[in-house]
Amino acid sequence: PAGRHTISSGGGLTLIDGHRFVWNAYNVRRTADQLARNLGFG
């Protein structure tokens, strides 16, 4: 339910992608880094 960002066609098919939000170790690390940058904006 969270999004779509590529749609394509060929070979008689239409392809599309979609995503949902999940939690994992990668997400925790990236979110912490992003918040640190944002908090530095003033």
PDB file of all heavy atoms in Angstrom:
ATOM      1  N   PRO A   1       0.784  -1.237   0.000  1.00  0.00           N
ATOM      2  CA  PRO A   1       0.000   0.000   0.000  1.00  0.00           C
ATOM      3  C   PRO A   1       0.810   1.278   0.000  1.00  0.00           C
ATOM      4  O   PRO A   1       0.227   2.367  -0.094  1.00  0.00           O
ATOM      5  CB  PRO A   1      -0.788  -0.126   1.308  1.00  0.00           C
ATOM      6  CG  PRO A   1       0.135  -0.882   2.217  1.00  0.00           C
ATOM      7  CD  PRO A   1       0.850  -1.867   1.334  1.00  0.00           C
ATOM      8  N   ALA A   2       2.144   1.205   0.102  1.00  0.00           N
ATOM      9  CA  ALA A   2       2.927   2.421   0.331  1.00  0.00           C
ATOM     10  C   ALA A   2       3.374   3.124  -0.938  1.00  0.00           C
ATOM     11  O   ALA A   2       3.741   4.298  -0.875  1.00  0.00           O
ATOM     12  CB  ALA A   2       4.152   2.104   1.193  1.00  0.00           C
ATOM     13  N   GLY A   3       3.364   2.440  -2.097  1.00  0.00           N
ATOM     14  CA  GLY A   3       3.817   3.188  -3.258  1.00  0.00           C
ATOM     15  C   GLY A   3       3.995   2.364  -4.517  1.00  0.00           C
ATOM     16  O   GLY A   3       3.919   1.128  -4.528  1.00  0.00           O
ATOM     17  N   ARG A   4       4.227   3.096  -5.615  1.00  0.00           N
ATOM     18  CA  ARG A   4       4.581   2.569  -6.931  1.00  0.00           C
ATOM     19  C   ARG A   4       5.614   3.527  -7.528  1.00  0.00           C
ATOM     20  O   ARG A   4       5.517   4.740  -7.342  1.00  0.00           O
ATOM     21  CB  ARG A   4       3.359   2.522  -7.864  1.00  0.00           C
ATOM     22  CG  ARG A   4       2.172   1.741  -7.314  1.00  0.00           C
ATOM     23  CD  ARG A   4       2.393   0.240  -7.442  1.00  0.00           C
ATOM     24  NE  ARG A   4       1.195  -0.507  -7.068  1.00  0.00           N
ATOM     25  CZ  ARG A   4       0.943  -0.966  -5.835  1.00  0.00           C
ATOM     26  NH1 ARG A   4       1.809  -0.712  -4.859  1.00  0.00           N
ATOM     27  NH2 ARG A   4      -0.144  -1.660  -5.575  1.00  0.00           N
ATOM     28  N   HIS A   5       6.605   3.021  -8.265  1.00  0.00           N
ATOM     29  CA  HIS A   5       7.531   3.982  -8.887  1.00  0.00           C
ATOM     30  C   HIS A   5       8.136   3.551 -10.217  1.00  0.00           C
ATOM     31  O   HIS A   5       8.920   4.300 -10.798  1.00  0.00           O
ATOM     32  CB  HIS A   5       8.594   4.446  -7.903  1.00  0.00           C
ATOM     33  CG  HIS A   5       9.798   3.567  -7.718  1.00  0.00           C
ATOM     34  ND1 HIS A   5       9.914   2.283  -8.165  1.00  0.00           N
ATOM     35  CD2 HIS A   5      10.988   3.850  -7.108  1.00  0.00           C
ATOM     36  CE1 HIS A   5      11.097   1.790  -7.840  1.00  0.00           C
ATOM     37  NE2 HIS A   5      11.759   2.718  -7.199  1.00  0.00           N
ATOM     38  N   THR A   6       7.764   2.403 -10.759  1.00  0.00           N
ATOM     39  CA  THR A   6       8.202   2.028 -12.107  1.00  0.00           C
ATOM     40  C   THR A   6       7.110   1.203 -12.765  1.00  0.00           C
ATOM     41  O   THR A   6       6.562   0.280 -12.146  1.00  0.00           O
ATOM     42  CB  THR A   6       9.506   1.210 -12.069  1.00  0.00           C
ATOM     43  OG1 THR A   6      10.529   1.948 -11.392  1.00  0.00           O
ATOM     44  CG2 THR A   6       9.985   0.900 -13.480  1.00  0.00           C
ATOM     45  N   ILE A   7       6.805   1.524 -14.020  1.00  0.00           N
ATOM     46  CA  ILE A   7       5.888   0.727 -14.824  1.00  0.00           C
ATOM     47  C   ILE A   7       6.503   0.587 -16.212  1.00  0.00           C
ATOM     48  O   ILE A   7       7.092   1.530 -16.741  1.00  0.00           O
ATOM     49  CB  ILE A   7       4.478   1.356 -14.892  1.00  0.00           C
ATOM     50  CG1 ILE A   7       3.500   0.419 -15.613  1.00  0.00           C
ATOM     51  CG2 ILE A   7       4.511   2.732 -15.547  1.00  0.00           C
ATOM     52  CD1 ILE A   7       2.040   0.836 -15.473  1.00  0.00           C
ATOM     53  N   SER A   8       6.398  -0.613 -16.798  1.00  0.00           N
ATOM     54  CA  SER A   8       7.053  -0.867 -18.086  1.00  0.00           C
ATOM     55  C   SER A   8       6.243  -1.886 -18.863  1.00  0.00           C
ATOM     56  O   SER A   8       5.366  -2.568 -18.324  1.00  0.00           O
ATOM     57  CB  SER A   8       8.482  -1.379 -17.865  1.00  0.00           C
ATOM     58  OG  SER A   8       8.452  -2.613 -17.146  1.00  0.00           O
ATOM     59  N   SER A   9       6.563  -2.001 -20.153  1.00  0.00           N
ATOM     60  CA  SER A   9       5.855  -2.953 -20.991  1.00  0.00           C
ATOM     61  C   SER A   9       6.815  -3.566 -22.002  1.00  0.00           C
ATOM     62  O   SER A   9       7.829  -2.969 -22.373  1.00  0.00           O
ATOM     63  CB  SER A   9       4.691  -2.275 -21.715  1.00  0.00           C
ATOM     64  OG  SER A   9       5.153  -1.291 -22.616  1.00  0.00           O
ATOM     65  N   GLY A  10       6.460  -4.776 -22.467  1.00  0.00           N
ATOM     66  CA  GLY A  10       7.263  -5.481 -23.458  1.00  0.00           C
ATOM     67  C   GLY A  10       6.984  -6.977 -23.362  1.00  0.00           C
ATOM     68  O   GLY A  10       6.597  -7.474 -22.302  1.00  0.00           O
ATOM     69  N   GLY A  11       7.191  -7.673 -24.473  1.00  0.00           N
ATOM     70  CA  GLY A  11       6.994  -9.117 -24.457  1.00  0.00           C
ATOM     71  C   GLY A  11       5.586  -9.524 -24.102  1.00  0.00           C
ATOM     72  O   GLY A  11       5.376 -10.622 -23.553  1.00  0.00           O
ATOM     73  N   GLY A  12       4.604  -8.662 -24.365  1.00  0.00           N
ATOM     74  CA  GLY A  12       3.221  -8.985 -24.046  1.00  0.00           C
ATOM     75  C   GLY A  12       2.848  -8.796 -22.595  1.00  0.00           C
ATOM     76  O   GLY A  12       1.754  -9.182 -22.175  1.00  0.00           O
ATOM     77  N   LEU A  13       3.754  -8.197 -21.797  1.00  0.00           N
ATOM     78  CA  LEU A  13       3.498  -8.011 -20.372  1.00  0.00           C
ATOM     79  C   LEU A  13       3.584  -6.540 -19.986  1.00  0.00           C
ATOM     80  O   LEU A  13       4.263  -5.739 -20.649  1.00  0.00           O
ATOM     81  CB  LEU A  13       4.520  -8.786 -19.530  1.00  0.00           C
ATOM     82  CG  LEU A  13       4.549 -10.306 -19.657  1.00  0.00           C
ATOM     83  CD1 LEU A  13       5.681 -10.863 -18.817  1.00  0.00           C
ATOM     84  CD2 LEU A  13       3.214 -10.903 -19.230  1.00  0.00           C
ATOM     85  N   THR A  14       2.910  -6.212 -18.922  1.00  0.00           N
ATOM     86  CA  THR A  14       3.128  -4.938 -18.235  1.00  0.00           C
ATOM     87  C   THR A  14       3.647  -5.259 -16.839  1.00  0.00           C
ATOM     88  O   THR A  14       3.078  -6.104 -16.136  1.00  0.00           O
ATOM     89  CB  THR A  14       1.832  -4.123 -18.127  1.00  0.00           C
ATOM     90  OG1 THR A  14       1.405  -3.735 -19.429  1.00  0.00           O
ATOM     91  CG2 THR A  14       2.059  -2.863 -17.306  1.00  0.00           C
ATOM     92  N   LEU A  15       4.737  -4.615 -16.470  1.00  0.00           N
ATOM     93  CA  LEU A  15       5.339  -4.819 -15.147  1.00  0.00           C
ATOM     94  C   LEU A  15       5.215  -3.541 -14.331  1.00  0.00           C
ATOM     95  O   LEU A  15       5.261  -2.437 -14.870  1.00  0.00           O
ATOM     96  CB  LEU A  15       6.818  -5.201 -15.281  1.00  0.00           C
ATOM     97  CG  LEU A  15       7.159  -6.403 -16.165  1.00  0.00           C
ATOM     98  CD1 LEU A  15       8.663  -6.647 -16.130  1.00  0.00           C
ATOM     99  CD2 LEU A  15       6.405  -7.642 -15.696  1.00  0.00           C
ATOM    100  N   ILE A  16       5.092  -3.715 -13.047  1.00  0.00           N
ATOM    101  CA  ILE A  16       5.006  -2.579 -12.138  1.00  0.00           C
ATOM    102  C   ILE A  16       5.639  -2.994 -10.822  1.00  0.00           C
ATOM    103  O   ILE A  16       5.750  -4.199 -10.532  1.00  0.00           O
ATOM    104  CB  ILE A  16       3.524  -2.144 -11.942  1.00  0.00           C
ATOM    105  CG1 ILE A  16       3.449  -0.770 -11.272  1.00  0.00           C
ATOM    106  CG2 ILE A  16       2.740  -3.202 -11.186  1.00  0.00           C
ATOM    107  CD1 ILE A  16       2.053  -0.153 -11.312  1.00  0.00           C
ATOM    108  N   ASP A  17       6.109  -2.053 -10.056  1.00  0.00           N
ATOM    109  CA  ASP A  17       6.611  -2.405  -8.728  1.00  0.00           C
ATOM    110  C   ASP A  17       5.787  -1.697  -7.660  1.00  0.00           C
ATOM    111  O   ASP A  17       5.038  -0.759  -7.938  1.00  0.00           O
ATOM    112  CB  ASP A  17       8.115  -2.118  -8.582  1.00  0.00           C
ATOM    113  CG  ASP A  17       8.482  -0.664  -8.828  1.00  0.00           C
ATOM    114  OD1 ASP A  17       7.572   0.184  -8.935  1.00  0.00           O
ATOM    115  OD2 ASP A  17       9.686  -0.355  -8.916  1.00  0.00           O
ATOM    116  N   GLY A  18       5.897  -2.199  -6.463  1.00  0.00           N
ATOM    117  CA  GLY A  18       5.184  -1.615  -5.341  1.00  0.00           C
ATOM    118  C   GLY A  18       5.939  -1.895  -4.060  1.00  0.00           C
ATOM    119  O   GLY A  18       6.816  -2.769  -4.019  1.00  0.00           O
ATOM    120  N   HIS A  19       5.616  -1.137  -3.015  1.00  0.00           N
ATOM    121  CA  HIS A  19       6.342  -1.377  -1.779  1.00  0.00           C
ATOM    122  C   HIS A  19       5.464  -1.182  -0.552  1.00  0.00           C
ATOM    123  O   HIS A  19       4.382  -0.590  -0.598  1.00  0.00           O
ATOM    124  CB  HIS A  19       7.588  -0.487  -1.703  1.00  0.00           C
ATOM    125  CG  HIS A  19       7.357   0.924  -1.253  1.00  0.00           C
ATOM    126  ND1 HIS A  19       6.915   1.905  -2.109  1.00  0.00           N
ATOM    127  CD2 HIS A  19       7.499   1.516  -0.050  1.00  0.00           C
ATOM    128  CE1 HIS A  19       6.820   3.055  -1.452  1.00  0.00           C
ATOM    129  NE2 HIS A  19       7.155   2.835  -0.197  1.00  0.00           N
ATOM    130  N   ARG A  20       5.970  -1.715   0.526  1.00  0.00           N
ATOM    131  CA  ARG A  20       5.417  -1.485   1.849  1.00  0.00           C
ATOM    132  C   ARG A  20       6.577  -1.093   2.757  1.00  0.00           C
ATOM    133  O   ARG A  20       7.759  -1.285   2.411  1.00  0.00           O
ATOM    134  CB  ARG A  20       4.727  -2.743   2.375  1.00  0.00           C
ATOM    135  CG  ARG A  20       5.628  -3.974   2.429  1.00  0.00           C
ATOM    136  CD  ARG A  20       4.850  -5.234   2.742  1.00  0.00           C
ATOM    137  NE  ARG A  20       5.687  -6.423   2.650  1.00  0.00           N
ATOM    138  CZ  ARG A  20       6.388  -6.928   3.658  1.00  0.00           C
ATOM    139  NH1 ARG A  20       6.350  -6.332   4.855  1.00  0.00           N
ATOM    140  NH2 ARG A  20       7.123  -8.010   3.487  1.00  0.00           N
ATOM    141  N   PHE A  21       6.259  -0.522   3.892  1.00  0.00           N
ATOM    142  CA  PHE A  21       7.304  -0.128   4.830  1.00  0.00           C
ATOM    143  C   PHE A  21       7.564  -1.259   5.821  1.00  0.00           C
ATOM    144  O   PHE A  21       6.622  -1.873   6.344  1.00  0.00           O
ATOM    145  CB  PHE A  21       6.913   1.146   5.577  1.00  0.00           C
ATOM    146  CG  PHE A  21       6.945   2.379   4.721  1.00  0.00           C
ATOM    147  CD1 PHE A  21       5.778   3.069   4.426  1.00  0.00           C
ATOM    148  CD2 PHE A  21       8.142   2.846   4.208  1.00  0.00           C
ATOM    149  CE1 PHE A  21       5.805   4.206   3.637  1.00  0.00           C
ATOM    150  CE2 PHE A  21       8.183   3.987   3.413  1.00  0.00           C
ATOM    151  CZ  PHE A  21       7.005   4.657   3.131  1.00  0.00           C
ATOM    152  N   VAL A  22       8.828  -1.545   6.049  1.00  0.00           N
ATOM    153  CA  VAL A  22       9.228  -2.604   6.975  1.00  0.00           C
ATOM    154  C   VAL A  22      10.295  -2.061   7.918  1.00  0.00           C
ATOM    155  O   VAL A  22      10.888  -1.005   7.686  1.00  0.00           O
ATOM    156  CB  VAL A  22       9.783  -3.836   6.222  1.00  0.00           C
ATOM    157  CG1 VAL A  22       8.738  -4.425   5.298  1.00  0.00           C
ATOM    158  CG2 VAL A  22      11.047  -3.472   5.436  1.00  0.00           C
ATOM    159  N   TRP A  23      10.532  -2.823   8.963  1.00  0.00           N
ATOM    160  CA  TRP A  23      11.620  -2.498   9.890  1.00  0.00           C
ATOM    161  C   TRP A  23      12.695  -3.575   9.788  1.00  0.00           C
ATOM    162  O   TRP A  23      12.409  -4.762   9.745  1.00  0.00           O
ATOM    163  CB  TRP A  23      11.097  -2.434  11.328  1.00  0.00           C
ATOM    164  CG  TRP A  23      10.488  -1.108  11.651  1.00  0.00           C
ATOM    165  CD1 TRP A  23       9.172  -0.766  11.568  1.00  0.00           C
ATOM    166  CD2 TRP A  23      11.178   0.056  12.088  1.00  0.00           C
ATOM    167  NE1 TRP A  23       8.999   0.543  11.928  1.00  0.00           N
ATOM    168  CE2 TRP A  23      10.212   1.086  12.256  1.00  0.00           C
ATOM    169  CE3 TRP A  23      12.511   0.351  12.352  1.00  0.00           C
ATOM    170  CZ2 TRP A  23      10.542   2.366  12.677  1.00  0.00           C
ATOM    171  CZ3 TRP A  23      12.843   1.625  12.786  1.00  0.00           C
ATOM    172  CH2 TRP A  23      11.874   2.605  12.938  1.00  0.00           C
ATOM    173  N   ASN A  24      13.947  -3.117   9.714  1.00  0.00           N
ATOM    174  CA  ASN A  24      15.087  -4.020   9.802  1.00  0.00           C
ATOM    175  C   ASN A  24      16.284  -3.216  10.305  1.00  0.00           C
ATOM    176  O   ASN A  24      16.196  -1.999  10.519  1.00  0.00           O
ATOM    177  CB  ASN A  24      15.391  -4.689   8.457  1.00  0.00           C
ATOM    178  CG  ASN A  24      15.569  -3.678   7.326  1.00  0.00           C
ATOM    179  OD1 ASN A  24      16.026  -2.561   7.550  1.00  0.00           O
ATOM    180  ND2 ASN A  24      15.198  -4.082   6.113  1.00  0.00           N
ATOM    181  N   ALA A  25      17.404  -3.892  10.498  1.00  0.00           N
ATOM    182  CA  ALA A  25      18.574  -3.216  11.056  1.00  0.00           C
ATOM    183  C   ALA A  25      19.056  -2.092  10.149  1.00  0.00           C
ATOM    184  O   ALA A  25      19.501  -1.036  10.603  1.00  0.00           O
ATOM    185  CB  ALA A  25      19.697  -4.225  11.289  1.00  0.00           C
ATOM    186  N   TYR A  26      18.946  -2.337   8.837  1.00  0.00           N
ATOM    187  CA  TYR A  26      19.349  -1.313   7.874  1.00  0.00           C
ATOM    188  C   TYR A  26      18.509  -0.061   8.052  1.00  0.00           C
ATOM    189  O   TYR A  26      19.006   1.058   8.084  1.00  0.00           O
ATOM    190  CB  TYR A  26      19.171  -1.872   6.470  1.00  0.00           C
ATOM    191  CG  TYR A  26      19.297  -0.855   5.357  1.00  0.00           C
ATOM    192  CD1 TYR A  26      20.541  -0.492   4.855  1.00  0.00           C
ATOM    193  CD2 TYR A  26      18.165  -0.267   4.808  1.00  0.00           C
ATOM    194  CE1 TYR A  26      20.657   0.425   3.832  1.00  0.00           C
ATOM    195  CE2 TYR A  26      18.262   0.651   3.788  1.00  0.00           C
ATOM    196  CZ  TYR A  26      19.510   0.995   3.306  1.00  0.00           C
ATOM    197  OH  TYR A  26      19.604   1.911   2.285  1.00  0.00           O
ATOM    198  N   ASN A  27      17.210  -0.265   8.192  1.00  0.00           N
ATOM    199  CA  ASN A  27      16.290   0.866   8.357  1.00  0.00           C
ATOM    200  C   ASN A  27      16.613   1.674   9.606  1.00  0.00           C
ATOM    201  O   ASN A  27      16.609   2.903   9.577  1.00  0.00           O
ATOM    202  CB  ASN A  27      14.855   0.344   8.408  1.00  0.00           C
ATOM    203  CG  ASN A  27      13.869   1.393   8.882  1.00  0.00           C
ATOM    204  OD1 ASN A  27      13.198   1.190   9.876  1.00  0.00           O
ATOM    205  ND2 ASN A  27      13.799   2.486   8.175  1.00  0.00           N
ATOM    206  N   VAL A  28      16.884   1.004  10.701  1.00  0.00           N
ATOM    207  CA  VAL A  28      17.183   1.707  11.955  1.00  0.00           C
ATOM    208  C   VAL A  28      18.420   2.585  11.789  1.00  0.00           C
ATOM    209  O   VAL A  28      18.448   3.744  12.196  1.00  0.00           O
ATOM    210  CB  VAL A  28      17.379   0.694  13.096  1.00  0.00           C
ATOM    211  CG1 VAL A  28      17.871   1.405  14.358  1.00  0.00           C
ATOM    212  CG2 VAL A  28      16.075  -0.050  13.382  1.00  0.00           C
ATOM    213  N   ARG A  29      19.453   2.035  11.157  1.00  0.00           N
ATOM    214  CA  ARG A  29      20.691   2.788  10.980  1.00  0.00           C
ATOM    215  C   ARG A  29      20.483   3.996  10.064  1.00  0.00           C
ATOM    216  O   ARG A  29      20.904   5.109  10.369  1.00  0.00           O
ATOM    217  CB  ARG A  29      21.774   1.875  10.404  1.00  0.00           C
ATOM    218  CG  ARG A  29      23.125   2.562  10.235  1.00  0.00           C
ATOM    219  CD  ARG A  29      24.194   1.596   9.741  1.00  0.00           C
ATOM    220  NE  ARG A  29      23.980   1.193   8.363  1.00  0.00           N
ATOM    221  CZ  ARG A  29      23.550  -0.011   7.994  1.00  0.00           C
ATOM    222  NH1 ARG A  29      23.259  -0.928   8.898  1.00  0.00           N
ATOM    223  NH2 ARG A  29      23.403  -0.306   6.706  1.00  0.00           N
ATOM    224  N   ARG A  30      19.810   3.779   8.930  1.00  0.00           N
ATOM    225  CA  ARG A  30      19.605   4.872   7.995  1.00  0.00           C
ATOM    226  C   ARG A  30      18.707   5.968   8.575  1.00  0.00           C
ATOM    227  O   ARG A  30      18.942   7.152   8.373  1.00  0.00           O
ATOM    228  CB  ARG A  30      18.992   4.333   6.695  1.00  0.00           C
ATOM    229  CG  ARG A  30      19.955   3.567   5.826  1.00  0.00           C
ATOM    230  CD  ARG A  30      21.002   4.482   5.202  1.00  0.00           C
ATOM    231  NE  ARG A  30      20.402   5.447   4.305  1.00  0.00           N
ATOM    232  CZ  ARG A  30      20.203   5.235   3.012  1.00  0.00           C
ATOM    233  NH1 ARG A  30      20.550   4.087   2.473  1.00  0.00           N
ATOM    234  NH2 ARG A  30      19.661   6.174   2.260  1.00  0.00           N
ATOM    235  N   THR A  31      17.671   5.556   9.300  1.00  0.00           N
ATOM    236  CA  THR A  31      16.777   6.541   9.902  1.00  0.00           C
ATOM    237  C   THR A  31      17.508   7.391  10.923  1.00  0.00           C
ATOM    238  O   THR A  31      17.328   8.607  10.982  1.00  0.00           O
ATOM    239  CB  THR A  31      15.569   5.838  10.555  1.00  0.00           C
ATOM    240  OG1 THR A  31      14.850   5.113   9.556  1.00  0.00           O
ATOM    241  CG2 THR A  31      14.640   6.846  11.203  1.00  0.00           C
ATOM    242  N   ALA A  32      18.356   6.759  11.730  1.00  0.00           N
ATOM    243  CA  ALA A  32      19.125   7.508  12.722  1.00  0.00           C
ATOM    244  C   ALA A  32      20.053   8.510  12.046  1.00  0.00           C
ATOM    245  O   ALA A  32      20.168   9.670  12.479  1.00  0.00           O
ATOM    246  CB  ALA A  32      19.924   6.548  13.596  1.00  0.00           C
ATOM    247  N   ASP A  33      20.702   8.088  10.961  1.00  0.00           N
ATOM    248  CA  ASP A  33      21.596   9.003  10.241  1.00  0.00           C
ATOM    249  C   ASP A  33      20.821  10.172   9.651  1.00  0.00           C
ATOM    250  O   ASP A  33      21.255  11.324   9.716  1.00  0.00           O
ATOM    251  CB  ASP A  33      22.331   8.254   9.124  1.00  0.00           C
ATOM    252  CG  ASP A  33      23.344   7.249   9.657  1.00  0.00           C
ATOM    253  OD1 ASP A  33      23.693   7.350  10.847  1.00  0.00           O
ATOM    254  OD2 ASP A  33      23.761   6.370   8.884  1.00  0.00           O
ATOM    255  N   GLN A  34      19.658   9.872   9.065  1.00  0.00           N
ATOM    256  CA  GLN A  34      18.862  10.925   8.444  1.00  0.00           C
ATOM    257  C   GLN A  34      18.363  11.923   9.472  1.00  0.00           C
ATOM    258  O   GLN A  34      18.385  13.133   9.251  1.00  0.00           O
ATOM    259  CB  GLN A  34      17.690  10.322   7.677  1.00  0.00           C
ATOM    260  CG  GLN A  34      16.858  11.364   6.926  1.00  0.00           C
ATOM    261  CD  GLN A  34      15.799  10.732   6.062  1.00  0.00           C
ATOM    262  OE1 GLN A  34      15.738   9.522   5.950  1.00  0.00           O
ATOM    263  NE2 GLN A  34      14.965  11.551   5.459  1.00  0.00           N
ATOM    264  N   LEU A  35      17.894  11.432  10.596  1.00  0.00           N
ATOM    265  CA  LEU A  35      17.412  12.339  11.635  1.00  0.00           C
ATOM    266  C   LEU A  35      18.538  13.212  12.174  1.00  0.00           C
ATOM    267  O   LEU A  35      18.344  14.388  12.469  1.00  0.00           O
ATOM    268  CB  LEU A  35      16.773  11.539  12.766  1.00  0.00           C
ATOM    269  CG  LEU A  35      15.351  11.035  12.501  1.00  0.00           C
ATOM    270  CD1 LEU A  35      14.886  10.134  13.631  1.00  0.00           C
ATOM    271  CD2 LEU A  35      14.398  12.210  12.350  1.00  0.00           C
ATOM    272  N   ALA A  36      19.728  12.639  12.286  1.00  0.00           N
ATOM    273  CA  ALA A  36      20.871  13.431  12.752  1.00  0.00           C
ATOM    274  C   ALA A  36      21.149  14.577  11.789  1.00  0.00           C
ATOM    275  O   ALA A  36      21.422  15.707  12.203  1.00  0.00           O
ATOM    276  CB  ALA A  36      22.101  12.544  12.906  1.00  0.00           C
ATOM    277  N   ARG A  37      21.064  14.294  10.476  1.00  0.00           N
ATOM    278  CA  ARG A  37      21.274  15.353   9.490  1.00  0.00           C
ATOM    279  C   ARG A  37      20.162  16.399   9.569  1.00  0.00           C
ATOM    280  O   ARG A  37      20.409  17.597   9.522  1.00  0.00           O
ATOM    281  CB  ARG A  37      21.345  14.764   8.079  1.00  0.00           C
ATOM    282  CG  ARG A  37      22.583  13.941   7.816  1.00  0.00           C
ATOM    283  CD  ARG A  37      22.737  13.673   6.318  1.00  0.00           C
ATOM    284  NE  ARG A  37      21.610  12.938   5.787  1.00  0.00           N
ATOM    285  CZ  ARG A  37      21.531  11.613   5.761  1.00  0.00           C
ATOM    286  NH1 ARG A  37      22.512  10.884   6.253  1.00  0.00           N
ATOM    287  NH2 ARG A  37      20.468  11.008   5.240  1.00  0.00           N
ATOM    288  N   ASN A  38      18.929  15.930   9.690  1.00  0.00           N
ATOM    289  CA  ASN A  38      17.802  16.862   9.726  1.00  0.00           C
ATOM    290  C   ASN A  38      17.840  17.745  10.955  1.00  0.00           C
ATOM    291  O   ASN A  38      17.548  18.939  10.898  1.00  0.00           O
ATOM    292  CB  ASN A  38      16.476  16.089   9.680  1.00  0.00           C
ATOM    293  CG  ASN A  38      16.218  15.464   8.317  1.00  0.00           C
ATOM    294  OD1 ASN A  38      16.660  15.986   7.312  1.00  0.00           O
ATOM    295  ND2 ASN A  38      15.512  14.353   8.293  1.00  0.00           N
ATOM    296  N   LEU A  39      18.202  17.165  12.084  1.00  0.00           N
ATOM    297  CA  LEU A  39      18.273  17.961  13.305  1.00  0.00           C
ATOM    298  C   LEU A  39      19.358  19.008  13.215  1.00  0.00           C
ATOM    299  O   LEU A  39      19.287  20.050  13.854  1.00  0.00           O
ATOM    300  CB  LEU A  39      18.521  17.042  14.511  1.00  0.00           C
ATOM    301  CG  LEU A  39      17.325  16.157  14.916  1.00  0.00           C
ATOM    302  CD1 LEU A  39      17.754  15.142  15.963  1.00  0.00           C
ATOM    303  CD2 LEU A  39      16.189  17.017  15.448  1.00  0.00           C
ATOM    304  N   GLY A  40      20.364  18.755  12.391  1.00  0.00           N
ATOM    305  CA  GLY A  40      21.422  19.742  12.207  1.00  0.00           C
ATOM    306  C   GLY A  40      21.028  20.910  11.346  1.00  0.00           C
ATOM    307  O   GLY A  40      21.769  21.870  11.207  1.00  0.00           O
ATOM    308  N   PHE A  41      19.829  20.851  10.717  1.00  0.00           N
ATOM    309  CA  PHE A  41      19.387  21.931   9.837  1.00  0.00           C
ATOM    310  C   PHE A  41      19.036  23.201  10.611  1.00  0.00           C
ATOM    311  O   PHE A  41      18.968  24.272  10.053  1.00  0.00           O
ATOM    312  CB  PHE A  41      18.142  21.506   9.055  1.00  0.00           C
ATOM    313  CG  PHE A  41      18.438  20.646   7.867  1.00  0.00           C
ATOM    314  CD1 PHE A  41      17.530  19.691   7.460  1.00  0.00           C
ATOM    315  CD2 PHE A  41      19.621  20.795   7.160  1.00  0.00           C
ATOM    316  CE1 PHE A  41      17.784  18.896   6.347  1.00  0.00           C
ATOM    317  CE2 PHE A  41      19.885  20.014   6.054  1.00  0.00           C
ATOM    318  CZ  PHE A  41      18.963  19.062   5.656  1.00  0.00           C
ATOM    319  N   GLY A  42      18.758  23.087  11.909  1.00  0.00           N
ATOM    320  CA  GLY A  42      18.285  24.261  12.650  1.00  0.00           C
ATOM    321  C   GLY A  42      16.786  24.392  12.539  1.00  0.00           C
ATOM    322  O   GLY A  42      16.083  23.464  12.168  1.00  0.00           O
TER     323      GLY A  42
END
